[in-house]
Amino acid sequence: VFEKEAELAAHQTGHNSGVVHAGIYYKPGSLKAELCRRG
């Protein structure tokens, strides 16, 4: 793994709301909906 910063998760991973979405917003049958629920 190549990471440009001196620490891991320094950008988007460390700057989000931390919510684990349950699948409310995604189009039924879409890959995004499937991966959200499985994830």
All heavy atoms as atom14 arrays in JSON, in Angstrom:
{
  "sequence": "VFEKEAELAAHQTGHNSGVVHAGIYYKPGSLKAELCRRG",
  "atom14_mask": [
    [1, 1, 1, 1, 1, 1, 1, 0, 0, 0, 0, 0, 0, 0],
    [1, 1, 1, 1, 1, 1, 1, 1, 1, 1, 1, 0, 0, 0],
    [1, 1, 1, 1, 1, 1, 1, 1, 1, 0, 0, 0, 0, 0],
    [1, 1, 1, 1, 1, 1, 1, 1, 1, 0, 0, 0, 0, 0],
    [1, 1, 1, 1, 1, 1, 1, 1, 1, 0, 0, 0, 0, 0],
    [1, 1, 1, 1, 1, 0, 0, 0, 0, 0, 0, 0, 0, 0],
    [1, 1, 1, 1, 1, 1, 1, 1, 1, 0, 0, 0, 0, 0],
    [1, 1, 1, 1, 1, 1, 1, 1, 0, 0, 0, 0, 0, 0],
    [1, 1, 1, 1, 1, 0, 0, 0, 0, 0, 0, 0, 0, 0],
    [1, 1, 1, 1, 1, 0, 0, 0, 0, 0, 0, 0, 0, 0],
    [1, 1, 1, 1, 1, 1, 1, 1, 1, 1, 0, 0, 0, 0],
    [1, 1, 1, 1, 1, 1, 1, 1, 1, 0, 0, 0, 0, 0],
    [1, 1, 1, 1, 1, 1, 1, 0, 0, 0, 0, 0, 0, 0],
    [1, 1, 1, 1, 0, 0, 0, 0, 0, 0, 0, 0, 0, 0],
    [1, 1, 1, 1, 1, 1, 1, 1, 1, 1, 0, 0, 0, 0],
    [1, 1, 1, 1, 1, 1, 1, 1, 0, 0, 0, 0, 0, 0],
    [1, 1, 1, 1, 1, 1, 0, 0, 0, 0, 0, 0, 0, 0],
    [1, 1, 1, 1, 0, 0, 0, 0, 0, 0, 0, 0, 0, 0],
    [1, 1, 1, 1, 1, 1, 1, 0, 0, 0, 0, 0, 0, 0],
    [1, 1, 1, 1, 1, 1, 1, 0, 0, 0, 0, 0, 0, 0],
    [1, 1, 1, 1, 1, 1, 1, 1, 1, 1, 0, 0, 0, 0],
    [1, 1, 1, 1, 1, 0, 0, 0, 0, 0, 0, 0, 0, 0],
    [1, 1, 1, 1, 0, 0, 0, 0, 0, 0, 0, 0, 0, 0],
    [1, 1, 1, 1, 1, 1, 1, 1, 0, 0, 0, 0, 0, 0],
    [1, 1, 1, 1, 1, 1, 1, 1, 1, 1, 1, 1, 0, 0],
    [1, 1, 1, 1, 1, 1, 1, 1, 1, 1, 1, 1, 0, 0],
    [1, 1, 1, 1, 1, 1, 1, 1, 1, 0, 0, 0, 0, 0],
    [1, 1, 1, 1, 1, 1, 1, 0, 0, 0, 0, 0, 0, 0],
    [1, 1, 1, 1, 0, 0, 0, 0, 0, 0, 0, 0, 0, 0],
    [1, 1, 1, 1, 1, 1, 0, 0, 0, 0, 0, 0, 0, 0],
    [1, 1, 1, 1, 1, 1, 1, 1, 0, 0, 0, 0, 0, 0],
    [1, 1, 1, 1, 1, 1, 1, 1, 1, 0, 0, 0, 0, 0],
    [1, 1, 1, 1, 1, 0, 0, 0, 0, 0, 0, 0, 0, 0],
    [1, 1, 1, 1, 1, 1, 1, 1, 1, 0, 0, 0, 0, 0],
    [1, 1, 1, 1, 1, 1, 1, 1, 0, 0, 0, 0, 0, 0],
    [1, 1, 1, 1, 1, 1, 0, 0, 0, 0, 0, 0, 0, 0],
    [1, 1, 1, 1, 1, 1, 1, 1, 1, 1, 1, 0, 0, 0],
    [1, 1, 1, 1, 1, 1, 1, 1, 1, 1, 1, 0, 0, 0],
    [1, 1, 1, 1, 0, 0, 0, 0, 0, 0, 0, 0, 0, 0]
  ],
  "atom14_positions": [
    [[0.85, -1.19, 0.0], [0.0, 0.0, 0.0], [0.89, 1.24, 0.0], [1.83, 1.33, 0.79], [-0.94, 0.03, 1.23], [-1.78, 1.3, 1.24], [-1.83, -1.21, 1.26], [0.0, 0.0, 0.0], [0.0, 0.0, 0.0], [0.0, 0.0, 0.0], [0.0, 0.0, 0.0], [0.0, 0.0, 0.0], [0.0, 0.0, 0.0], [0.0, 0.0, 0.0]],
    [[0.55, 2.2, -0.87], [1.27, 3.47, -0.94], [0.34, 4.58, -0.45], [-0.71, 4.81, -1.03], [1.71, 3.78, -2.37], [2.55, 2.72, -3.0], [1.97, 1.71, -3.76], [3.93, 2.71, -2.83], [2.74, 0.72, -4.35], [4.71, 1.72, -3.41], [4.12, 0.72, -4.18], [0.0, 0.0, 0.0], [0.0, 0.0, 0.0], [0.0, 0.0, 0.0]],
    [[0.73, 5.27, 0.63], [-0.07, 6.37, 1.18], [0.79, 7.63, 1.22], [1.89, 7.61, 1.78], [-0.56, 6.02, 2.58], [-1.12, 7.18, 3.39], [-2.2, 7.97, 2.66], [-3.1, 7.33, 2.06], [-2.14, 9.21, 2.69], [0.0, 0.0, 0.0], [0.0, 0.0, 0.0], [0.0, 0.0, 0.0], [0.0, 0.0, 0.0], [0.0, 0.0, 0.0]],
    [[0.29, 8.71, 0.64], [1.12, 9.91, 0.52], [1.3, 10.66, 1.84], [2.27, 11.39, 2.01], [0.57, 10.84, -0.55], [-0.69, 11.6, -0.2], [-1.15, 12.4, -1.42], [-2.37, 13.25, -1.13], [-2.08, 14.37, -0.26], [0.0, 0.0, 0.0], [0.0, 0.0, 0.0], [0.0, 0.0, 0.0], [0.0, 0.0, 0.0], [0.0, 0.0, 0.0]],
    [[0.35, 10.48, 2.78], [0.45, 11.19, 4.05], [1.27, 10.4, 5.07], [1.54, 9.22, 4.87], [-0.94, 11.48, 4.62], [-1.85, 12.26, 3.68], [-1.37, 13.67, 3.39], [-0.4, 14.12, 4.04], [-1.95, 14.32, 2.51], [0.0, 0.0, 0.0], [0.0, 0.0, 0.0], [0.0, 0.0, 0.0], [0.0, 0.0, 0.0], [0.0, 0.0, 0.0]],
    [[1.62, 11.07, 6.17], [2.41, 10.41, 7.22], [1.54, 9.56, 8.13], [2.08, 8.87, 9.01], [3.15, 11.46, 8.04], [0.0, 0.0, 0.0], [0.0, 0.0, 0.0], [0.0, 0.0, 0.0], [0.0, 0.0, 0.0], [0.0, 0.0, 0.0], [0.0, 0.0, 0.0], [0.0, 0.0, 0.0], [0.0, 0.0, 0.0], [0.0, 0.0, 0.0]],
    [[0.22, 9.61, 7.95], [-0.69, 8.78, 8.73], [-1.8, 8.26, 7.83], [-2.05, 8.81, 6.75], [-1.29, 9.58, 9.88], [-2.08, 10.8, 9.43], [-2.67, 11.56, 10.59], [-2.76, 11.0, 11.7], [-3.04, 12.73, 10.4], [0.0, 0.0, 0.0], [0.0, 0.0, 0.0], [0.0, 0.0, 0.0], [0.0, 0.0, 0.0], [0.0, 0.0, 0.0]],
    [[-2.47, 7.21, 8.28], [-3.57, 6.63, 7.53], [-4.86, 7.41, 7.77], [-5.0, 8.11, 8.76], [-3.76, 5.17, 7.95], [-2.57, 4.23, 7.7], [-2.82, 2.89, 8.37], [-2.31, 4.05, 6.2], [0.0, 0.0, 0.0], [0.0, 0.0, 0.0], [0.0, 0.0, 0.0], [0.0, 0.0, 0.0], [0.0, 0.0, 0.0], [0.0, 0.0, 0.0]],
    [[-5.8, 7.27, 6.83], [-7.15, 7.84, 6.98], [-7.12, 9.34, 7.22], [-7.91, 9.87, 7.99], [-7.9, 7.12, 8.12], [0.0, 0.0, 0.0], [0.0, 0.0, 0.0], [0.0, 0.0, 0.0], [0.0, 0.0, 0.0], [0.0, 0.0, 0.0], [0.0, 0.0, 0.0], [0.0, 0.0, 0.0], [0.0, 0.0, 0.0], [0.0, 0.0, 0.0]],
    [[-6.2, 10.04, 6.56], [-5.99, 11.46, 6.85], [-6.98, 12.37, 6.12], [-7.1, 13.55, 6.5], [-4.57, 11.86, 6.47], [0.0, 0.0, 0.0], [0.0, 0.0, 0.0], [0.0, 0.0, 0.0], [0.0, 0.0, 0.0], [0.0, 0.0, 0.0], [0.0, 0.0, 0.0], [0.0, 0.0, 0.0], [0.0, 0.0, 0.0], [0.0, 0.0, 0.0]],
    [[-7.68, 11.85, 5.13], [-8.53, 12.74, 4.33], [-10.0, 12.36, 4.46], [-10.59, 12.51, 5.52], [-8.02, 12.78, 2.89], [-6.7, 13.48, 2.78], [-6.56, 14.82, 3.03], [-5.47, 13.02, 2.48], [-5.29, 15.17, 2.88], [-4.6, 14.08, 2.57], [0.0, 0.0, 0.0], [0.0, 0.0, 0.0], [0.0, 0.0, 0.0], [0.0, 0.0, 0.0]],
    [[-10.63, 11.87, 3.4], [-12.08, 11.65, 3.47], [-12.48, 10.7, 4.59], [-13.51, 10.9, 5.25], [-12.59, 11.13, 2.11], [-12.49, 12.16, 1.0], [-13.07, 11.63, -0.29], [-14.27, 11.65, -0.49], [-12.19, 11.16, -1.16], [0.0, 0.0, 0.0], [0.0, 0.0, 0.0], [0.0, 0.0, 0.0], [0.0, 0.0, 0.0], [0.0, 0.0, 0.0]],
    [[-11.68, 9.67, 4.82], [-12.02, 8.7, 5.86], [-12.09, 9.35, 7.24], [-12.94, 9.0, 8.06], [-10.99, 7.56, 5.88], [-10.95, 6.96, 4.58], [-11.36, 6.51, 6.91], [0.0, 0.0, 0.0], [0.0, 0.0, 0.0], [0.0, 0.0, 0.0], [0.0, 0.0, 0.0], [0.0, 0.0, 0.0], [0.0, 0.0, 0.0], [0.0, 0.0, 0.0]],
    [[-11.21, 10.3, 7.48], [-11.18, 10.96, 8.78], [-11.96, 12.25, 8.84], [-11.92, 12.95, 9.86], [0.0, 0.0, 0.0], [0.0, 0.0, 0.0], [0.0, 0.0, 0.0], [0.0, 0.0, 0.0], [0.0, 0.0, 0.0], [0.0, 0.0, 0.0], [0.0, 0.0, 0.0], [0.0, 0.0, 0.0], [0.0, 0.0, 0.0], [0.0, 0.0, 0.0]],
    [[-12.69, 12.58, 7.77], [-13.43, 13.84, 7.72], [-14.87, 13.62, 7.27], [-15.41, 14.37, 6.46], [-12.74, 14.83, 6.78], [-11.45, 15.36, 7.29], [-10.25, 14.7, 7.13], [-11.15, 16.48, 7.99], [-9.27, 15.4, 7.69], [-9.78, 16.48, 8.22], [0.0, 0.0, 0.0], [0.0, 0.0, 0.0], [0.0, 0.0, 0.0], [0.0, 0.0, 0.0]],
    [[-15.5, 12.6, 7.78], [-16.91, 12.37, 7.45], [-17.72, 12.23, 8.73], [-17.18, 12.25, 9.83], [-17.07, 11.12, 6.56], [-16.58, 9.86, 7.24], [-17.21, 9.37, 8.17], [-15.46, 9.33, 6.78], [0.0, 0.0, 0.0], [0.0, 0.0, 0.0], [0.0, 0.0, 0.0], [0.0, 0.0, 0.0], [0.0, 0.0, 0.0], [0.0, 0.0, 0.0]],
    [[-19.02, 12.07, 8.58], [-19.91, 12.11, 9.75], [-19.9, 10.82, 10.56], [-20.43, 10.8, 11.68], [-21.35, 12.4, 9.29], [-21.83, 11.34, 8.49], [0.0, 0.0, 0.0], [0.0, 0.0, 0.0], [0.0, 0.0, 0.0], [0.0, 0.0, 0.0], [0.0, 0.0, 0.0], [0.0, 0.0, 0.0], [0.0, 0.0, 0.0], [0.0, 0.0, 0.0]],
    [[-19.35, 9.75, 10.03], [-19.31, 8.49, 10.76], [-20.61, 7.71, 10.75], [-20.76, 6.74, 11.5], [0.0, 0.0, 0.0], [0.0, 0.0, 0.0], [0.0, 0.0, 0.0], [0.0, 0.0, 0.0], [0.0, 0.0, 0.0], [0.0, 0.0, 0.0], [0.0, 0.0, 0.0], [0.0, 0.0, 0.0], [0.0, 0.0, 0.0], [0.0, 0.0, 0.0]],
    [[-21.56, 8.11, 9.91], [-22.86, 7.43, 9.88], [-22.75, 6.13, 9.07], [-22.15, 6.1, 8.0], [-23.94, 8.34, 9.27], [-25.27, 7.59, 9.13], [-24.13, 9.58, 10.14], [0.0, 0.0, 0.0], [0.0, 0.0, 0.0], [0.0, 0.0, 0.0], [0.0, 0.0, 0.0], [0.0, 0.0, 0.0], [0.0, 0.0, 0.0], [0.0, 0.0, 0.0]],
    [[-23.36, 5.07, 9.58], [-23.46, 3.79, 8.87], [-24.88, 3.74, 8.3], [-25.83, 3.41, 9.01], [-23.21, 2.6, 9.81], [-23.22, 1.3, 9.0], [-21.89, 2.77, 10.55], [0.0, 0.0, 0.0], [0.0, 0.0, 0.0], [0.0, 0.0, 0.0], [0.0, 0.0, 0.0], [0.0, 0.0, 0.0], [0.0, 0.0, 0.0], [0.0, 0.0, 0.0]],
    [[-25.02, 4.11, 7.04], [-26.35, 4.21, 6.44], [-26.98, 2.83, 6.27], [-26.31, 1.86, 5.92], [-26.27, 4.94, 5.11], [-26.0, 6.41, 5.27], [-26.96, 7.3, 5.67], [-24.86, 7.13, 5.11], [-26.44, 8.51, 5.73], [-25.16, 8.44, 5.4], [0.0, 0.0, 0.0], [0.0, 0.0, 0.0], [0.0, 0.0, 0.0], [0.0, 0.0, 0.0]],
    [[-28.29, 2.79, 6.48], [-29.0, 1.5, 6.47], [-29.57, 1.12, 5.12], [-30.05, 0.01, 4.94], [-30.13, 1.54, 7.5], [0.0, 0.0, 0.0], [0.0, 0.0, 0.0], [0.0, 0.0, 0.0], [0.0, 0.0, 0.0], [0.0, 0.0, 0.0], [0.0, 0.0, 0.0], [0.0, 0.0, 0.0], [0.0, 0.0, 0.0], [0.0, 0.0, 0.0]],
    [[-29.54, 2.05, 4.14], [-30.05, 1.73, 2.81], [-31.33, 2.45, 2.43], [-32.04, 2.03, 1.52], [0.0, 0.0, 0.0], [0.0, 0.0, 0.0], [0.0, 0.0, 0.0], [0.0, 0.0, 0.0], [0.0, 0.0, 0.0], [0.0, 0.0, 0.0], [0.0, 0.0, 0.0], [0.0, 0.0, 0.0], [0.0, 0.0, 0.0], [0.0, 0.0, 0.0]],
    [[-31.65, 3.55, 3.09], [-32.9, 4.27, 2.83], [-32.9, 4.94, 1.47], [-33.91, 4.96, 0.77], [-33.13, 5.32, 3.93], [-33.4, 4.64, 5.27], [-34.28, 6.27, 3.59], [-33.49, 5.6, 6.45], [0.0, 0.0, 0.0], [0.0, 0.0, 0.0], [0.0, 0.0, 0.0], [0.0, 0.0, 0.0], [0.0, 0.0, 0.0], [0.0, 0.0, 0.0]],
    [[-31.76, 5.49, 1.05], [-31.76, 6.45, -0.05], [-31.5, 5.84, -1.42], [-31.67, 6.53, -2.43], [-30.68, 7.51, 0.21], [-30.85, 8.23, 1.51], [-30.11, 7.88, 2.63], [-31.77, 9.27, 1.64], [-30.25, 8.54, 3.84], [-31.93, 9.94, 2.85], [-31.17, 9.57, 3.94], [-31.33, 10.23, 5.13], [0.0, 0.0, 0.0], [0.0, 0.0, 0.0]],
    [[-31.11, 4.6, -1.51], [-30.57, 4.09, -2.76], [-31.63, 3.37, -3.58], [-32.54, 2.74, -3.06], [-29.38, 3.16, -2.48], [-28.4, 3.79, -1.53], [-28.0, 3.15, -0.36], [-27.91, 5.07, -1.78], [-27.12, 3.76, 0.52], [-27.02, 5.68, -0.91], [-26.64, 5.03, 0.24], [-25.78, 5.63, 1.11], [0.0, 0.0, 0.0], [0.0, 0.0, 0.0]],
    [[-31.49, 3.46, -4.89], [-32.45, 2.88, -5.82], [-32.55, 1.37, -5.62], [-31.54, 0.66, -5.68], [-32.05, 3.18, -7.26], [-33.01, 2.64, -8.3], [-32.54, 2.98, -9.7], [-33.48, 2.39, -10.74], [-33.01, 2.69, -12.12], [0.0, 0.0, 0.0], [0.0, 0.0, 0.0], [0.0, 0.0, 0.0], [0.0, 0.0, 0.0], [0.0, 0.0, 0.0]],
    [[-33.75, 0.85, -5.36], [-33.89, -0.59, -5.14], [-33.38, -1.39, -6.34], [-33.61, -1.03, -7.5], [-35.4, -0.77, -4.97], [-35.88, 0.54, -4.44], [-35.03, 1.57, -5.14], [0.0, 0.0, 0.0], [0.0, 0.0, 0.0], [0.0, 0.0, 0.0], [0.0, 0.0, 0.0], [0.0, 0.0, 0.0], [0.0, 0.0, 0.0], [0.0, 0.0, 0.0]],
    [[-32.66, -2.45, -6.04], [-32.1, -3.28, -7.09], [-30.76, -2.82, -7.61], [-30.1, -3.54, -8.37], [0.0, 0.0, 0.0], [0.0, 0.0, 0.0], [0.0, 0.0, 0.0], [0.0, 0.0, 0.0], [0.0, 0.0, 0.0], [0.0, 0.0, 0.0], [0.0, 0.0, 0.0], [0.0, 0.0, 0.0], [0.0, 0.0, 0.0], [0.0, 0.0, 0.0]],
    [[-30.32, -1.62, -7.21], [-29.04, -1.11, -7.68], [-27.9, -1.76, -6.9], [-28.08, -2.27, -5.8], [-28.98, 0.41, -7.51], [-28.99, 0.75, -6.13], [0.0, 0.0, 0.0], [0.0, 0.0, 0.0], [0.0, 0.0, 0.0], [0.0, 0.0, 0.0], [0.0, 0.0, 0.0], [0.0, 0.0, 0.0], [0.0, 0.0, 0.0], [0.0, 0.0, 0.0]],
    [[-26.72, -1.72, -7.5], [-25.54, -2.27, -6.82], [-25.26, -1.48, -5.54], [-24.85, -2.06, -4.53], [-24.34, -2.22, -7.76], [-23.03, -2.81, -7.21], [-23.2, -4.28, -6.87], [-21.9, -2.61, -8.22], [0.0, 0.0, 0.0], [0.0, 0.0, 0.0], [0.0, 0.0, 0.0], [0.0, 0.0, 0.0], [0.0, 0.0, 0.0], [0.0, 0.0, 0.0]],
    [[-25.5, -0.18, -5.57], [-25.25, 0.64, -4.39], [-26.14, 0.2, -3.23], [-25.68, 0.1, -2.09], [-25.49, 2.11, -4.71], [-24.92, 3.07, -3.67], [-24.93, 4.5, -4.19], [-24.2, 5.42, -3.23], [-24.14, 6.81, -3.74], [0.0, 0.0, 0.0], [0.0, 0.0, 0.0], [0.0, 0.0, 0.0], [0.0, 0.0, 0.0], [0.0, 0.0, 0.0]],
    [[-27.41, -0.07, -3.52], [-28.32, -0.53, -2.47], [-27.88, -1.89, -1.93], [-27.87, -2.13, -0.72], [-29.75, -0.62, -3.02], [0.0, 0.0, 0.0], [0.0, 0.0, 0.0], [0.0, 0.0, 0.0], [0.0, 0.0, 0.0], [0.0, 0.0, 0.0], [0.0, 0.0, 0.0], [0.0, 0.0, 0.0], [0.0, 0.0, 0.0], [0.0, 0.0, 0.0]],
    [[-27.51, -2.78, -2.84], [-27.08, -4.12, -2.43], [-25.82, -4.06, -1.56], [-25.74, -4.7, -0.5], [-26.8, -4.97, -3.67], [-26.29, -6.37, -3.37], [-25.88, -7.12, -4.61], [-26.29, -6.73, -5.73], [-25.12, -8.1, -4.48], [0.0, 0.0, 0.0], [0.0, 0.0, 0.0], [0.0, 0.0, 0.0], [0.0, 0.0, 0.0], [0.0, 0.0, 0.0]],
    [[-24.85, -3.26, -1.99], [-23.6, -3.18, -1.24], [-23.79, -2.47, 0.1], [-23.12, -2.8, 1.08], [-22.54, -2.45, -2.07], [-22.07, -3.18, -3.33], [-21.02, -2.36, -4.05], [-21.54, -4.56, -3.0], [0.0, 0.0, 0.0], [0.0, 0.0, 0.0], [0.0, 0.0, 0.0], [0.0, 0.0, 0.0], [0.0, 0.0, 0.0], [0.0, 0.0, 0.0]],
    [[-24.71, -1.5, 0.14], [-24.98, -0.82, 1.41], [-25.52, -1.81, 2.44], [-25.02, -1.88, 3.56], [-25.97, 0.32, 1.2], [-26.43, 1.17, 2.72], [0.0, 0.0, 0.0], [0.0, 0.0, 0.0], [0.0, 0.0, 0.0], [0.0, 0.0, 0.0], [0.0, 0.0, 0.0], [0.0, 0.0, 0.0], [0.0, 0.0, 0.0], [0.0, 0.0, 0.0]],
    [[-26.54, -2.57, 2.06], [-27.13, -3.5, 3.01], [-26.13, -4.59, 3.41], [-26.02, -4.93, 4.59], [-28.38, -4.15, 2.38], [-29.56, -3.23, 2.24], [-30.07, -2.69, 3.59], [-30.23, -3.73, 4.57], [-29.83, -3.63, 5.82], [-29.24, -2.53, 6.26], [-30.02, -4.62, 6.67], [0.0, 0.0, 0.0], [0.0, 0.0, 0.0], [0.0, 0.0, 0.0]],
    [[-25.38, -5.11, 2.46], [-24.39, -6.13, 2.8], [-23.26, -5.54, 3.62], [-22.76, -6.16, 4.57], [-23.83, -6.75, 1.5], [-22.82, -7.88, 1.74], [-22.6, -8.7, 0.5], [-21.61, -9.73, 0.74], [-20.33, -9.66, 0.35], [-19.91, -8.6, -0.31], [-19.49, -10.64, 0.59], [0.0, 0.0, 0.0], [0.0, 0.0, 0.0], [0.0, 0.0, 0.0]],
    [[-22.88, -4.3, 3.29], [-21.79, -3.66, 4.0], [-22.11, -3.37, 5.45], [-21.23, -3.44, 6.32], [0.0, 0.0, 0.0], [0.0, 0.0, 0.0], [0.0, 0.0, 0.0], [0.0, 0.0, 0.0], [0.0, 0.0, 0.0], [0.0, 0.0, 0.0], [0.0, 0.0, 0.0], [0.0, 0.0, 0.0], [0.0, 0.0, 0.0], [0.0, 0.0, 0.0]]
  ]
}
